[in-house]
Amino acid sequence: MERLLNKVAIVTGAAGGMGASHARKFVEEGAKVVLTDLNEEAGKALANELGENAMFIKQNVTSEADWENVVSETEKAFGPVNILVNNAGISRNNSIEQTTLDQYLQIVNINQVSVFLGMKSVVSSMKKVENGSIVNISSMNGLVAGAIGYTDTKFAVRGMTKAAAMDFARYGIRVNSVHPGVIETPMISSGDAVEAIKEFSKHIPLKRVAQSEEITNLVLFLASDESSYSTGSEFVADGGLTAQ
């Protein structure tokens, strides 16, 4: 089933983790996908694996010039953009006292400013097709408290999503946010984190962490025309954590 047939998508932070999962599924579903990341080696390897309907562009998501280049190169290769997944992000677990201003601003720039730049940069391309879907990856910590920097920027993504949805609706462009809970990644599947995550899982109503593919399926729905009447909304996939 090709749910994204003839769609052109940009996925940031796509060299690994959830971003790679999103990119892989999008290609499987018929889209032409531009993967962006700072990790050039891993990004190129994945694009090569995915074949002729995938292309990698090295990108600093906090750079307006890089965003303009990504959109321009995407149009040259595949045509106007239908889908943007603002997936790139970082987190720190420091307390407020332990966080320097430079560290804080780094999180703000990558998690928040990049989302603004991404939405601003693709809108003119999406206007050409009068059909667009922007999926901003927030977090369950865009709904409830977590670490400083991460929590506030993920709340900001939620707010920017709503503002952009109202701004872009007249162009037929939808904007929604996705709020994942704990996702199984190599970082939490080895070393000291294993036992901590196992213990934390007991407090998740579904009693387990999520697989990347489970979040990808939600992102796919929002990217596709199946969600044609959804905009300005939060879509939560956290195993029930924020419902408690």
C-alpha atoms as a PDB file:
ATOM      1  CA  MET A   1       0.000   0.000   0.000  1.00  0.00           C
ATOM      2  CA  GLU A   2       1.491   3.353  -1.069  1.00  0.00           C
ATOM      3  CA  ARG A   3      -0.071   5.899   1.252  1.00  0.00           C
ATOM      4  CA  LEU A   4       2.389   8.641   0.231  1.00  0.00           C
ATOM      5  CA  LEU A   5       2.501   8.003  -3.513  1.00  0.00           C
ATOM      6  CA  ASN A   6       3.848  11.041  -5.431  1.00  0.00           C
ATOM      7  CA  LYS A   7       4.535  12.956  -2.204  1.00  0.00           C
ATOM      8  CA  VAL A   8       7.825  14.752  -1.581  1.00  0.00           C
ATOM      9  CA  ALA A   9       9.057  14.775   2.016  1.00  0.00           C
ATOM     10  CA  ILE A  10      11.863  16.306   4.069  1.00  0.00           C
ATOM     11  CA  VAL A  11      12.801  14.540   7.315  1.00  0.00           C
ATOM     12  CA  THR A  12      15.340  16.171   9.631  1.00  0.00           C
ATOM     13  CA  GLY A  13      17.550  14.231  12.018  1.00  0.00           C
ATOM     14  CA  ALA A  14      17.121  11.269   9.680  1.00  0.00           C
ATOM     15  CA  ALA A  15      20.532   9.598   9.959  1.00  0.00           C
ATOM     16  CA  GLY A  16      19.398   7.403  12.842  1.00  0.00           C
ATOM     17  CA  GLY A  17      16.767   6.694  15.494  1.00  0.00           C
ATOM     18  CA  MET A  18      13.189   7.778  14.868  1.00  0.00           C
ATOM     19  CA  GLY A  19      14.170   9.966  11.924  1.00  0.00           C
ATOM     20  CA  ALA A  20      15.648   7.010  10.064  1.00  0.00           C
ATOM     21  CA  SER A  21      12.529   4.986  10.832  1.00  0.00           C
ATOM     22  CA  HIS A  22      10.302   7.749   9.432  1.00  0.00           C
ATOM     23  CA  ALA A  23      12.393   8.096   6.269  1.00  0.00           C
ATOM     24  CA  ARG A  24      12.454   4.357   5.630  1.00  0.00           C
ATOM     25  CA  LYS A  25       8.685   4.013   6.017  1.00  0.00           C
ATOM     26  CA  PHE A  26       7.987   7.048   3.833  1.00  0.00           C
ATOM     27  CA  VAL A  27       9.993   5.555   0.960  1.00  0.00           C
ATOM     28  CA  GLU A  28       8.189   2.231   1.411  1.00  0.00           C
ATOM     29  CA  GLU A  29       4.897   4.118   1.145  1.00  0.00           C
ATOM     30  CA  GLY A  30       5.801   5.741  -2.178  1.00  0.00           C
ATOM     31  CA  ALA A  31       7.281   9.095  -1.172  1.00  0.00           C
ATOM     32  CA  LYS A  32      10.427  10.743  -2.460  1.00  0.00           C
ATOM     33  CA  VAL A  33      12.373  11.635   0.677  1.00  0.00           C
ATOM     34  CA  VAL A  34      15.175  14.054   1.471  1.00  0.00           C
ATOM     35  CA  LEU A  35      16.996  13.013   4.628  1.00  0.00           C
ATOM     36  CA  THR A  36      18.934  15.700   6.500  1.00  0.00           C
ATOM     37  CA  ASP A  37      21.354  15.455   9.400  1.00  0.00           C
ATOM     38  CA  LEU A  38      24.822  16.550  10.523  1.00  0.00           C
ATOM     39  CA  ASN A  39      25.922  12.897  10.486  1.00  0.00           C
ATOM     40  CA  GLU A  40      26.903  12.751   6.841  1.00  0.00           C
ATOM     41  CA  GLU A  41      28.275   9.207   6.839  1.00  0.00           C
ATOM     42  CA  ALA A  42      25.196   7.578   8.363  1.00  0.00           C
ATOM     43  CA  GLY A  43      22.809   9.791   6.398  1.00  0.00           C
ATOM     44  CA  LYS A  44      24.382   8.976   3.040  1.00  0.00           C
ATOM     45  CA  ALA A  45      24.495   5.276   3.879  1.00  0.00           C
ATOM     46  CA  LEU A  46      20.770   5.220   4.657  1.00  0.00           C
ATOM     47  CA  ALA A  47      19.874   7.225   1.548  1.00  0.00           C
ATOM     48  CA  ASN A  48      21.906   4.812  -0.578  1.00  0.00           C
ATOM     49  CA  GLU A  49      20.137   1.882   1.057  1.00  0.00           C
ATOM     50  CA  LEU A  50      16.726   3.414   0.325  1.00  0.00           C
ATOM     51  CA  GLY A  51      17.499   3.883  -3.358  1.00  0.00           C
ATOM     52  CA  GLU A  52      16.606   6.396  -6.040  1.00  0.00           C
ATOM     53  CA  ASN A  53      13.667   7.879  -4.146  1.00  0.00           C
ATOM     54  CA  ALA A  54      15.899   9.062  -1.289  1.00  0.00           C
ATOM     55  CA  MET A  55      18.562  11.752  -1.107  1.00  0.00           C
ATOM     56  CA  PHE A  56      20.748  12.963   1.761  1.00  0.00           C
ATOM     57  CA  ILE A  57      21.686  16.598   2.413  1.00  0.00           C
ATOM     58  CA  LYS A  58      23.959  17.596   5.279  1.00  0.00           C
ATOM     59  CA  GLN A  59      22.151  20.245   7.300  1.00  0.00           C
ATOM     60  CA  ASN A  60      22.550  22.340  10.404  1.00  0.00           C
ATOM     61  CA  VAL A  61      18.888  22.790  11.303  1.00  0.00           C
ATOM     62  CA  THR A  62      19.641  26.034  13.173  1.00  0.00           C
ATOM     63  CA  SER A  63      20.911  27.690   9.976  1.00  0.00           C
ATOM     64  CA  GLU A  64      18.437  29.627   7.839  1.00  0.00           C
ATOM     65  CA  ALA A  65      20.801  29.366   4.854  1.00  0.00           C
ATOM     66  CA  ASP A  66      20.935  25.579   5.244  1.00  0.00           C
ATOM     67  CA  TRP A  67      17.147  25.423   5.310  1.00  0.00           C
ATOM     68  CA  GLU A  68      16.897  27.475   2.124  1.00  0.00           C
ATOM     69  CA  ASN A  69      19.409  25.152   0.471  1.00  0.00           C
ATOM     70  CA  VAL A  70      17.547  22.010   1.554  1.00  0.00           C
ATOM     71  CA  VAL A  71      14.240  23.242   0.140  1.00  0.00           C
ATOM     72  CA  SER A  72      15.890  24.409  -3.083  1.00  0.00           C
ATOM     73  CA  GLU A  73      17.746  21.124  -3.613  1.00  0.00           C
ATOM     74  CA  THR A  74      14.616  19.124  -2.790  1.00  0.00           C
ATOM     75  CA  GLU A  75      12.639  20.968  -5.446  1.00  0.00           C
ATOM     76  CA  LYS A  76      15.409  20.474  -8.003  1.00  0.00           C
ATOM     77  CA  ALA A  77      15.560  16.739  -7.342  1.00  0.00           C
ATOM     78  CA  PHE A  78      11.936  15.813  -6.683  1.00  0.00           C
ATOM     79  CA  GLY A  79       9.632  18.835  -7.028  1.00  0.00           C
ATOM     80  CA  PRO A  80       7.661  20.943  -4.517  1.00  0.00           C
ATOM     81  CA  VAL A  81       7.520  19.766  -0.914  1.00  0.00           C
ATOM     82  CA  ASN A  82       4.354  18.096   0.411  1.00  0.00           C
ATOM     83  CA  ILE A  83       5.627  16.885   3.795  1.00  0.00           C
ATOM     84  CA  LEU A  84       8.015  18.196   6.435  1.00  0.00           C
ATOM     85  CA  VAL A  85       8.887  16.201   9.544  1.00  0.00           C
ATOM     86  CA  ASN A  86      10.738  18.390  12.042  1.00  0.00           C
ATOM     87  CA  ASN A  87      12.371  15.509  13.883  1.00  0.00           C
ATOM     88  CA  ALA A  88      15.847  16.789  14.845  1.00  0.00           C
ATOM     89  CA  GLY A  89      16.322  17.452  18.544  1.00  0.00           C
ATOM     90  CA  ILE A  90      18.574  17.061  21.579  1.00  0.00           C
ATOM     91  CA  SER A  91      18.085  16.681  25.310  1.00  0.00           C
ATOM     92  CA  ARG A  92      20.079  17.188  28.496  1.00  0.00           C
ATOM     93  CA  ASN A  93      19.257  15.979  31.983  1.00  0.00           C
ATOM     94  CA  ASN A  94      20.957  18.760  33.938  1.00  0.00           C
ATOM     95  CA  SER A  95      19.207  20.770  36.615  1.00  0.00           C
ATOM     96  CA  ILE A  96      18.665  24.511  36.116  1.00  0.00           C
ATOM     97  CA  GLU A  97      21.634  25.234  38.386  1.00  0.00           C
ATOM     98  CA  GLN A  98      23.879  22.926  36.385  1.00  0.00           C
ATOM     99  CA  THR A  99      22.833  24.315  32.992  1.00  0.00           C
ATOM    100  CA  THR A 100      24.933  27.075  31.456  1.00  0.00           C
ATOM    101  CA  LEU A 101      23.405  29.735  29.223  1.00  0.00           C
ATOM    102  CA  ASP A 102      25.301  28.357  26.233  1.00  0.00           C
ATOM    103  CA  GLN A 103      23.927  24.859  26.891  1.00  0.00           C
ATOM    104  CA  TYR A 104      20.414  26.229  27.279  1.00  0.00           C
ATOM    105  CA  LEU A 105      20.576  28.239  24.067  1.00  0.00           C
ATOM    106  CA  GLN A 106      21.913  25.211  22.183  1.00  0.00           C
ATOM    107  CA  ILE A 107      18.793  23.258  23.155  1.00  0.00           C
ATOM    108  CA  VAL A 108      16.539  26.194  22.247  1.00  0.00           C
ATOM    109  CA  ASN A 109      18.167  26.607  18.841  1.00  0.00           C
ATOM    110  CA  ILE A 110      18.036  22.920  17.899  1.00  0.00           C
ATOM    111  CA  ASN A 111      14.666  21.987  19.402  1.00  0.00           C
ATOM    112  CA  GLN A 112      12.725  25.210  18.885  1.00  0.00           C
ATOM    113  CA  VAL A 113      14.313  27.653  16.448  1.00  0.00           C
ATOM    114  CA  SER A 114      14.883  24.871  13.904  1.00  0.00           C
ATOM    115  CA  VAL A 115      11.162  24.099  13.884  1.00  0.00           C
ATOM    116  CA  PHE A 116      10.353  27.749  13.200  1.00  0.00           C
ATOM    117  CA  LEU A 117      12.941  27.864  10.409  1.00  0.00           C
ATOM    118  CA  GLY A 118      11.689  24.615   8.893  1.00  0.00           C
ATOM    119  CA  MET A 119       8.074  25.732   8.768  1.00  0.00           C
ATOM    120  CA  LYS A 120       9.018  29.174   7.439  1.00  0.00           C
ATOM    121  CA  SER A 121      11.266  27.687   4.754  1.00  0.00           C
ATOM    122  CA  VAL A 122       8.858  25.091   3.307  1.00  0.00           C
ATOM    123  CA  VAL A 123       5.652  27.095   3.195  1.00  0.00           C
ATOM    124  CA  SER A 124       6.358  28.735  -0.189  1.00  0.00           C
ATOM    125  CA  SER A 125       7.100  25.315  -1.697  1.00  0.00           C
ATOM    126  CA  MET A 126       3.961  23.765  -0.197  1.00  0.00           C
ATOM    127  CA  LYS A 127       1.854  26.636  -1.545  1.00  0.00           C
ATOM    128  CA  LYS A 128       2.726  25.471  -5.065  1.00  0.00           C
ATOM    129  CA  VAL A 129       0.883  22.190  -4.542  1.00  0.00           C
ATOM    130  CA  GLU A 130      -1.817  23.576  -2.208  1.00  0.00           C
ATOM    131  CA  ASN A 131      -1.408  20.440  -0.149  1.00  0.00           C
ATOM    132  CA  GLY A 132       1.023  20.138   2.705  1.00  0.00           C
ATOM    133  CA  SER A 133       1.503  18.401   6.016  1.00  0.00           C
ATOM    134  CA  ILE A 134       4.012  19.528   8.634  1.00  0.00           C
ATOM    135  CA  VAL A 135       4.635  17.110  11.500  1.00  0.00           C
ATOM    136  CA  ASN A 136       6.534  18.583  14.422  1.00  0.00           C
ATOM    137  CA  ILE A 137       8.037  16.027  16.796  1.00  0.00           C
ATOM    138  CA  SER A 138       7.539  17.287  20.333  1.00  0.00           C
ATOM    139  CA  SER A 139       7.493  14.938  23.336  1.00  0.00           C
ATOM    140  CA  MET A 140       5.357  13.847  26.243  1.00  0.00           C
ATOM    141  CA  ASN A 141       7.457  16.554  27.940  1.00  0.00           C
ATOM    142  CA  GLY A 142       5.647  19.036  25.762  1.00  0.00           C
ATOM    143  CA  LEU A 143       2.631  18.151  27.934  1.00  0.00           C
ATOM    144  CA  VAL A 144       4.141  17.412  31.354  1.00  0.00           C
ATOM    145  CA  ALA A 145       7.305  18.363  33.202  1.00  0.00           C
ATOM    146  CA  GLY A 146      10.762  17.032  32.426  1.00  0.00           C
ATOM    147  CA  ALA A 147      14.287  18.440  32.237  1.00  0.00           C
ATOM    148  CA  ILE A 148      14.902  22.177  31.852  1.00  0.00           C
ATOM    149  CA  GLY A 149      15.522  23.189  28.259  1.00  0.00           C
ATOM    150  CA  TYR A 150      13.998  20.034  26.850  1.00  0.00           C
ATOM    151  CA  THR A 151      10.607  20.557  28.492  1.00  0.00           C
ATOM    152  CA  ASP A 152      10.305  24.239  27.634  1.00  0.00           C
ATOM    153  CA  THR A 153      11.343  23.784  24.005  1.00  0.00           C
ATOM    154  CA  LYS A 154       8.970  20.861  23.554  1.00  0.00           C
ATOM    155  CA  PHE A 155       6.132  22.964  25.013  1.00  0.00           C
ATOM    156  CA  ALA A 156       7.176  25.669  22.523  1.00  0.00           C
ATOM    157  CA  VAL A 157       6.921  23.214  19.627  1.00  0.00           C
ATOM    158  CA  ARG A 158       3.376  22.480  20.718  1.00  0.00           C
ATOM    159  CA  GLY A 159       2.517  26.203  20.722  1.00  0.00           C
ATOM    160  CA  MET A 160       4.253  26.947  17.423  1.00  0.00           C
ATOM    161  CA  THR A 161       2.345  24.070  15.860  1.00  0.00           C
ATOM    162  CA  LYS A 162      -0.969  25.652  16.779  1.00  0.00           C
ATOM    163  CA  ALA A 163       0.087  29.126  15.608  1.00  0.00           C
ATOM    164  CA  ALA A 164       1.375  27.795  12.288  1.00  0.00           C
ATOM    165  CA  ALA A 165      -1.748  25.658  11.782  1.00  0.00           C
ATOM    166  CA  MET A 166      -3.920  28.774  11.969  1.00  0.00           C
ATOM    167  CA  ASP A 167      -1.534  30.720   9.728  1.00  0.00           C
ATOM    168  CA  PHE A 168      -1.198  28.033   7.034  1.00  0.00           C
ATOM    169  CA  ALA A 169      -4.752  26.639   6.931  1.00  0.00           C
ATOM    170  CA  ARG A 170      -5.739  29.058   4.156  1.00  0.00           C
ATOM    171  CA  TYR A 171      -3.089  27.443   1.944  1.00  0.00           C
ATOM    172  CA  GLY A 172      -4.286  23.894   2.514  1.00  0.00           C
ATOM    173  CA  ILE A 173      -1.278  23.176   4.750  1.00  0.00           C
ATOM    174  CA  ARG A 174      -1.849  21.203   7.937  1.00  0.00           C
ATOM    175  CA  VAL A 175       0.420  21.330  11.009  1.00  0.00           C
ATOM    176  CA  ASN A 176       0.302  18.837  13.886  1.00  0.00           C
ATOM    177  CA  SER A 177       2.585  17.793  16.726  1.00  0.00           C
ATOM    178  CA  VAL A 178       3.521  14.298  17.874  1.00  0.00           C
ATOM    179  CA  HIS A 179       4.299  13.620  21.533  1.00  0.00           C
ATOM    180  CA  PRO A 180       6.221  10.360  22.037  1.00  0.00           C
ATOM    181  CA  GLY A 181       6.944   8.807  25.403  1.00  0.00           C
ATOM    182  CA  VAL A 182       9.970   6.590  26.025  1.00  0.00           C
ATOM    183  CA  ILE A 183      11.268   5.056  22.788  1.00  0.00           C
ATOM    184  CA  GLU A 184      13.613   2.078  22.638  1.00  0.00           C
ATOM    185  CA  THR A 185      16.889   3.236  21.122  1.00  0.00           C
ATOM    186  CA  PRO A 186      20.472   1.912  21.331  1.00  0.00           C
ATOM    187  CA  MET A 187      21.122   4.539  24.030  1.00  0.00           C
ATOM    188  CA  ILE A 188      18.627   2.990  26.461  1.00  0.00           C
ATOM    189  CA  SER A 189      19.106  -0.617  25.383  1.00  0.00           C
ATOM    190  CA  SER A 190      22.622  -1.057  26.702  1.00  0.00           C
ATOM    191  CA  GLY A 191      24.865  -0.214  29.632  1.00  0.00           C
ATOM    192  CA  ASP A 192      23.647   1.394  32.831  1.00  0.00           C
ATOM    193  CA  ALA A 193      20.365   2.567  31.285  1.00  0.00           C
ATOM    194  CA  VAL A 194      18.898  -0.915  30.849  1.00  0.00           C
ATOM    195  CA  GLU A 195      17.922  -1.518  34.463  1.00  0.00           C
ATOM    196  CA  ALA A 196      16.714   2.044  34.961  1.00  0.00           C
ATOM    197  CA  ILE A 197      14.437   1.807  31.928  1.00  0.00           C
ATOM    198  CA  LYS A 198      13.204  -1.619  33.009  1.00  0.00           C
ATOM    199  CA  GLU A 199      12.230  -0.168  36.376  1.00  0.00           C
ATOM    200  CA  PHE A 200      10.634   2.914  34.791  1.00  0.00           C
ATOM    201  CA  SER A 201       8.598   0.710  32.453  1.00  0.00           C
ATOM    202  CA  LYS A 202       6.670  -0.589  35.468  1.00  0.00           C
ATOM    203  CA  HIS A 203       5.123   2.868  35.774  1.00  0.00           C
ATOM    204  CA  ILE A 204       3.945   2.994  32.152  1.00  0.00           C
ATOM    205  CA  PRO A 205       0.310   1.829  31.933  1.00  0.00           C
ATOM    206  CA  LEU A 206       1.147  -0.389  28.933  1.00  0.00           C
ATOM    207  CA  LYS A 207       4.162  -1.754  30.894  1.00  0.00           C
ATOM    208  CA  ARG A 208       6.698  -1.260  28.112  1.00  0.00           C
ATOM    209  CA  VAL A 209       8.590   1.349  26.109  1.00  0.00           C
ATOM    210  CA  ALA A 210       7.710   2.026  22.474  1.00  0.00           C
ATOM    211  CA  GLN A 211       9.457   0.887  19.332  1.00  0.00           C
ATOM    212  CA  SER A 212      10.426   3.580  16.819  1.00  0.00           C
ATOM    213  CA  GLU A 213       8.051   2.032  14.279  1.00  0.00           C
ATOM    214  CA  GLU A 214       5.091   2.705  16.559  1.00  0.00           C
ATOM    215  CA  ILE A 215       5.812   6.430  16.442  1.00  0.00           C
ATOM    216  CA  THR A 216       6.509   6.241  12.710  1.00  0.00           C
ATOM    217  CA  ASN A 217       3.049   4.792  12.082  1.00  0.00           C
ATOM    218  CA  LEU A 218       1.520   7.860  13.738  1.00  0.00           C
ATOM    219  CA  VAL A 219       3.772  10.230  11.779  1.00  0.00           C
ATOM    220  CA  LEU A 220       2.829   8.399   8.572  1.00  0.00           C
ATOM    221  CA  PHE A 221      -0.866   8.896   9.290  1.00  0.00           C
ATOM    222  CA  LEU A 222      -0.350  12.636   9.820  1.00  0.00           C
ATOM    223  CA  ALA A 223       1.815  12.966   6.711  1.00  0.00           C
ATOM    224  CA  SER A 224      -0.771  11.199   4.561  1.00  0.00           C
ATOM    225  CA  ASP A 225      -4.112  12.446   3.258  1.00  0.00           C
ATOM    226  CA  GLU A 226      -5.807  10.091   5.722  1.00  0.00           C
ATOM    227  CA  SER A 227      -5.494  12.856   8.338  1.00  0.00           C
ATOM    228  CA  SER A 228      -6.864  15.529   5.985  1.00  0.00           C
ATOM    229  CA  TYR A 229      -9.109  17.122   8.641  1.00  0.00           C
ATOM    230  CA  SER A 230      -6.525  17.200  11.436  1.00  0.00           C
ATOM    231  CA  THR A 231      -4.552  20.375  12.063  1.00  0.00           C
ATOM    232  CA  GLY A 232      -3.280  22.267  15.099  1.00  0.00           C
ATOM    233  CA  SER A 233      -3.565  19.144  17.237  1.00  0.00           C
ATOM    234  CA  GLU A 234      -1.417  17.073  19.569  1.00  0.00           C
ATOM    235  CA  PHE A 235      -1.085  13.349  18.915  1.00  0.00           C
ATOM    236  CA  VAL A 236       0.245  11.457  21.928  1.00  0.00           C
ATOM    237  CA  ALA A 237       1.970   8.062  21.866  1.00  0.00           C
ATOM    238  CA  ASP A 238       3.294   7.512  25.381  1.00  0.00           C
ATOM    239  CA  GLY A 239       1.793   4.242  26.553  1.00  0.00           C
ATOM    240  CA  GLY A 240      -0.633   6.133  28.761  1.00  0.00           C
ATOM    241  CA  LEU A 241       1.927   8.013  30.866  1.00  0.00           C
ATOM    242  CA  THR A 242       0.335  11.456  30.564  1.00  0.00           C
ATOM    243  CA  ALA A 243      -3.157  10.051  31.126  1.00  0.00           C
ATOM    244  CA  GLN A 244      -2.374   9.117  34.714  1.00  0.00           C
END
